[in-house]
Amino acid sequence: MEWMLKTFNELTINELYELIQLRIDVFVVEQNCPYKELDNKDQAALHLLGYVDGRLTAYSRLFKPGDSYGEEASIGRVIVRRDARSFGYGKELLMQSITRLEQLAEGANIKIQAQEYLHRFYQSFGFHSISDVYDEDGIPHIDMIRSVRHREE
């Protein structure tokens, strides 16, 4: 997989179209969840794009501390194209996201709003629950954090 990390202003029009299309295909259509996909956070995010054979296959948004949550960094919109989910790209995407965010936000905890069914997946990367399960746009979510202390162990 070929990885690129870009600010909003560095994205080409085609890259922006591709990532929005992928997010809508999965989060709105596949998960049958009408919600406000364009949330005015893309401009502050760093966009991690993973390509296989020139096709956007994996994507996440990264936020430095203060750009989405208070003192914590954050990873969001973690997504792998449906037809590419059995190749380990989700694990690769999350490792890339964590590694790059730790470099950009050294010393900051990483907070996520995880879909509850992925709780164990995120747990395997050192995230632990910090909330009860709650409804977010009709889908059960849970807040999780990966602490600086975990990284030092």
Protein backbone atom coordinates (compact mmCIF):
# COMPACT_ATOMS: atom_id res chain seq x y z
CA MET A 1 0.00 0.00 0.00
CA GLU A 2 1.21 3.48 -0.85
CA TRP A 3 0.52 6.06 1.89
CA MET A 4 0.12 9.82 1.64
CA LEU A 5 -0.57 12.30 4.44
CA LYS A 6 -2.01 15.63 3.36
CA THR A 7 -3.57 18.72 4.83
CA PHE A 8 -6.94 19.76 3.45
CA ASN A 9 -5.34 22.43 1.25
CA GLU A 10 -2.86 19.91 -0.17
CA LEU A 11 -5.59 17.56 -1.39
CA THR A 12 -6.32 17.67 -5.09
CA ILE A 13 -9.92 17.98 -6.18
CA ASN A 14 -9.86 14.35 -7.31
CA GLU A 15 -8.42 13.14 -3.97
CA LEU A 16 -11.06 15.08 -2.05
CA TYR A 17 -13.80 13.64 -4.27
CA GLU A 18 -12.43 10.09 -3.81
CA LEU A 19 -12.24 10.31 -0.02
CA ILE A 20 -15.70 11.83 0.34
CA GLN A 21 -17.11 9.21 -2.04
CA LEU A 22 -15.48 6.40 -0.02
CA ARG A 23 -16.77 7.80 3.28
CA ILE A 24 -20.31 8.15 1.93
CA ASP A 25 -20.22 4.69 0.30
CA VAL A 26 -19.38 3.06 3.63
CA PHE A 27 -20.70 5.26 6.43
CA VAL A 28 -23.94 6.42 4.77
CA VAL A 29 -24.89 3.82 2.14
CA GLU A 30 -23.36 0.53 3.38
CA GLN A 31 -24.18 1.20 7.04
CA ASN A 32 -27.55 2.71 6.11
CA CYS A 33 -26.86 5.71 8.32
CA PRO A 34 -27.93 9.12 7.06
CA TYR A 35 -25.82 11.61 8.95
CA LYS A 36 -23.96 14.84 8.33
CA GLU A 37 -20.81 13.50 6.64
CA LEU A 38 -19.40 16.94 5.88
CA ASP A 39 -18.89 18.27 9.41
CA ASN A 40 -16.49 21.20 8.90
CA LYS A 41 -13.64 19.23 10.51
CA ASP A 42 -11.91 18.21 7.28
CA GLN A 43 -10.22 21.59 7.03
CA ALA A 44 -8.38 21.06 10.35
CA ALA A 45 -7.61 17.38 9.77
CA LEU A 46 -4.64 15.64 8.28
CA HIS A 47 -5.85 13.11 5.72
CA LEU A 48 -4.14 9.72 5.57
CA LEU A 49 -4.79 8.10 2.21
CA GLY A 50 -3.81 4.53 1.37
CA TYR A 51 -3.68 3.48 -2.29
CA VAL A 52 -3.49 0.05 -3.86
CA ASP A 53 -2.86 0.06 -7.62
CA GLY A 54 -3.80 3.74 -7.81
CA ARG A 55 -7.17 3.24 -6.08
CA LEU A 56 -8.04 4.81 -2.73
CA THR A 57 -8.44 1.76 -0.51
CA ALA A 58 -7.95 2.98 3.08
CA TYR A 59 -8.43 6.34 4.75
CA SER A 60 -8.46 8.10 8.12
CA ARG A 61 -8.54 11.63 9.51
CA LEU A 62 -5.92 12.63 12.04
CA PHE A 63 -6.25 15.53 14.45
CA LYS A 64 -3.51 17.09 16.52
CA PRO A 65 -4.39 18.14 20.09
CA GLY A 66 -6.88 21.00 20.11
CA ASP A 67 -8.13 20.38 16.56
CA SER A 68 -11.00 18.04 17.51
CA TYR A 69 -10.76 17.22 21.22
CA GLY A 70 -9.22 19.36 23.95
CA GLU A 71 -5.74 18.16 24.88
CA GLU A 72 -5.97 14.85 23.05
CA ALA A 73 -5.05 13.92 19.54
CA SER A 74 -7.64 11.94 17.59
CA ILE A 75 -8.16 9.47 14.77
CA GLY A 76 -11.47 9.40 12.94
CA ARG A 77 -13.29 8.23 9.81
CA VAL A 78 -11.21 5.02 9.84
CA ILE A 79 -12.26 3.19 6.71
CA VAL A 80 -11.27 0.44 4.30
CA ARG A 81 -13.04 -0.10 0.99
CA ARG A 82 -15.53 -2.97 1.28
CA ASP A 83 -13.91 -5.16 -1.39
CA ALA A 84 -10.49 -4.83 0.28
CA ARG A 85 -11.33 -5.75 3.88
CA SER A 86 -9.89 -9.26 3.96
CA PHE A 87 -6.28 -8.26 3.25
CA GLY A 88 -5.22 -6.75 6.60
CA TYR A 89 -5.50 -3.16 5.38
CA GLY A 90 -7.51 -2.13 8.46
CA LYS A 91 -4.63 -3.10 10.76
CA GLU A 92 -2.13 -1.42 8.47
CA LEU A 93 -4.27 1.74 8.35
CA LEU A 94 -4.58 1.94 12.12
CA MET A 95 -0.84 1.34 12.64
CA GLN A 96 -0.03 4.06 10.09
CA SER A 97 -2.53 6.41 11.76
CA ILE A 98 -1.14 5.81 15.27
CA THR A 99 2.50 6.07 14.17
CA ARG A 100 2.02 9.29 12.23
CA LEU A 101 -0.11 10.89 14.94
CA GLU A 102 2.42 9.99 17.62
CA GLN A 103 5.11 11.72 15.55
CA LEU A 104 2.94 14.81 15.03
CA ALA A 105 1.57 15.02 18.57
CA GLU A 106 4.35 13.63 20.72
CA GLY A 107 3.24 13.22 24.31
CA ALA A 108 -0.50 13.41 23.59
CA ASN A 109 -3.08 10.74 24.29
CA ILE A 110 -5.11 9.58 21.28
CA LYS A 111 -8.89 9.58 21.65
CA ILE A 112 -11.35 7.90 19.29
CA GLN A 113 -15.11 7.49 18.99
CA ALA A 114 -15.25 3.83 17.96
CA GLN A 115 -18.18 1.93 16.61
CA GLU A 116 -18.86 -0.47 19.46
CA TYR A 117 -18.57 -3.63 17.39
CA LEU A 118 -14.90 -2.68 16.70
CA HIS A 119 -14.09 -2.35 20.41
CA ARG A 120 -11.79 -5.41 20.48
CA PHE A 121 -10.03 -4.38 17.28
CA TYR A 122 -9.07 -1.02 18.79
CA GLN A 123 -8.26 -2.66 22.12
CA SER A 124 -5.64 -4.78 20.35
CA PHE A 125 -3.83 -1.52 19.50
CA GLY A 126 -3.74 -0.32 23.11
CA PHE A 127 -6.99 1.65 23.25
CA HIS A 128 -9.21 1.26 26.32
CA SER A 129 -12.82 2.32 26.93
CA ILE A 130 -13.49 5.60 28.71
CA SER A 131 -17.28 5.74 28.27
CA ASP A 132 -20.34 3.58 28.25
CA VAL A 133 -21.83 2.62 24.90
CA TYR A 134 -23.91 5.44 23.42
CA ASP A 135 -25.92 6.04 20.28
CA GLU A 136 -24.30 8.15 17.58
CA ASP A 137 -26.50 8.53 14.49
CA GLY A 138 -28.23 5.22 15.18
CA ILE A 139 -24.99 3.22 15.63
CA PRO A 140 -23.62 2.12 19.04
CA HIS A 141 -20.31 3.88 19.78
CA ILE A 142 -17.84 3.96 22.63
CA ASP A 143 -15.13 6.50 23.46
CA MET A 144 -11.67 5.01 23.74
CA ILE A 145 -8.21 6.34 24.49
CA ARG A 146 -4.64 5.23 23.86
CA SER A 147 -2.57 6.80 26.57
CA VAL A 148 1.00 8.04 26.42
CA ARG A 149 1.75 5.68 29.34
CA HIS A 150 0.76 2.70 27.14
CA ARG A 151 3.31 3.72 24.52
CA GLU A 152 6.12 3.92 27.07
CA GLU A 153 5.55 0.39 28.37
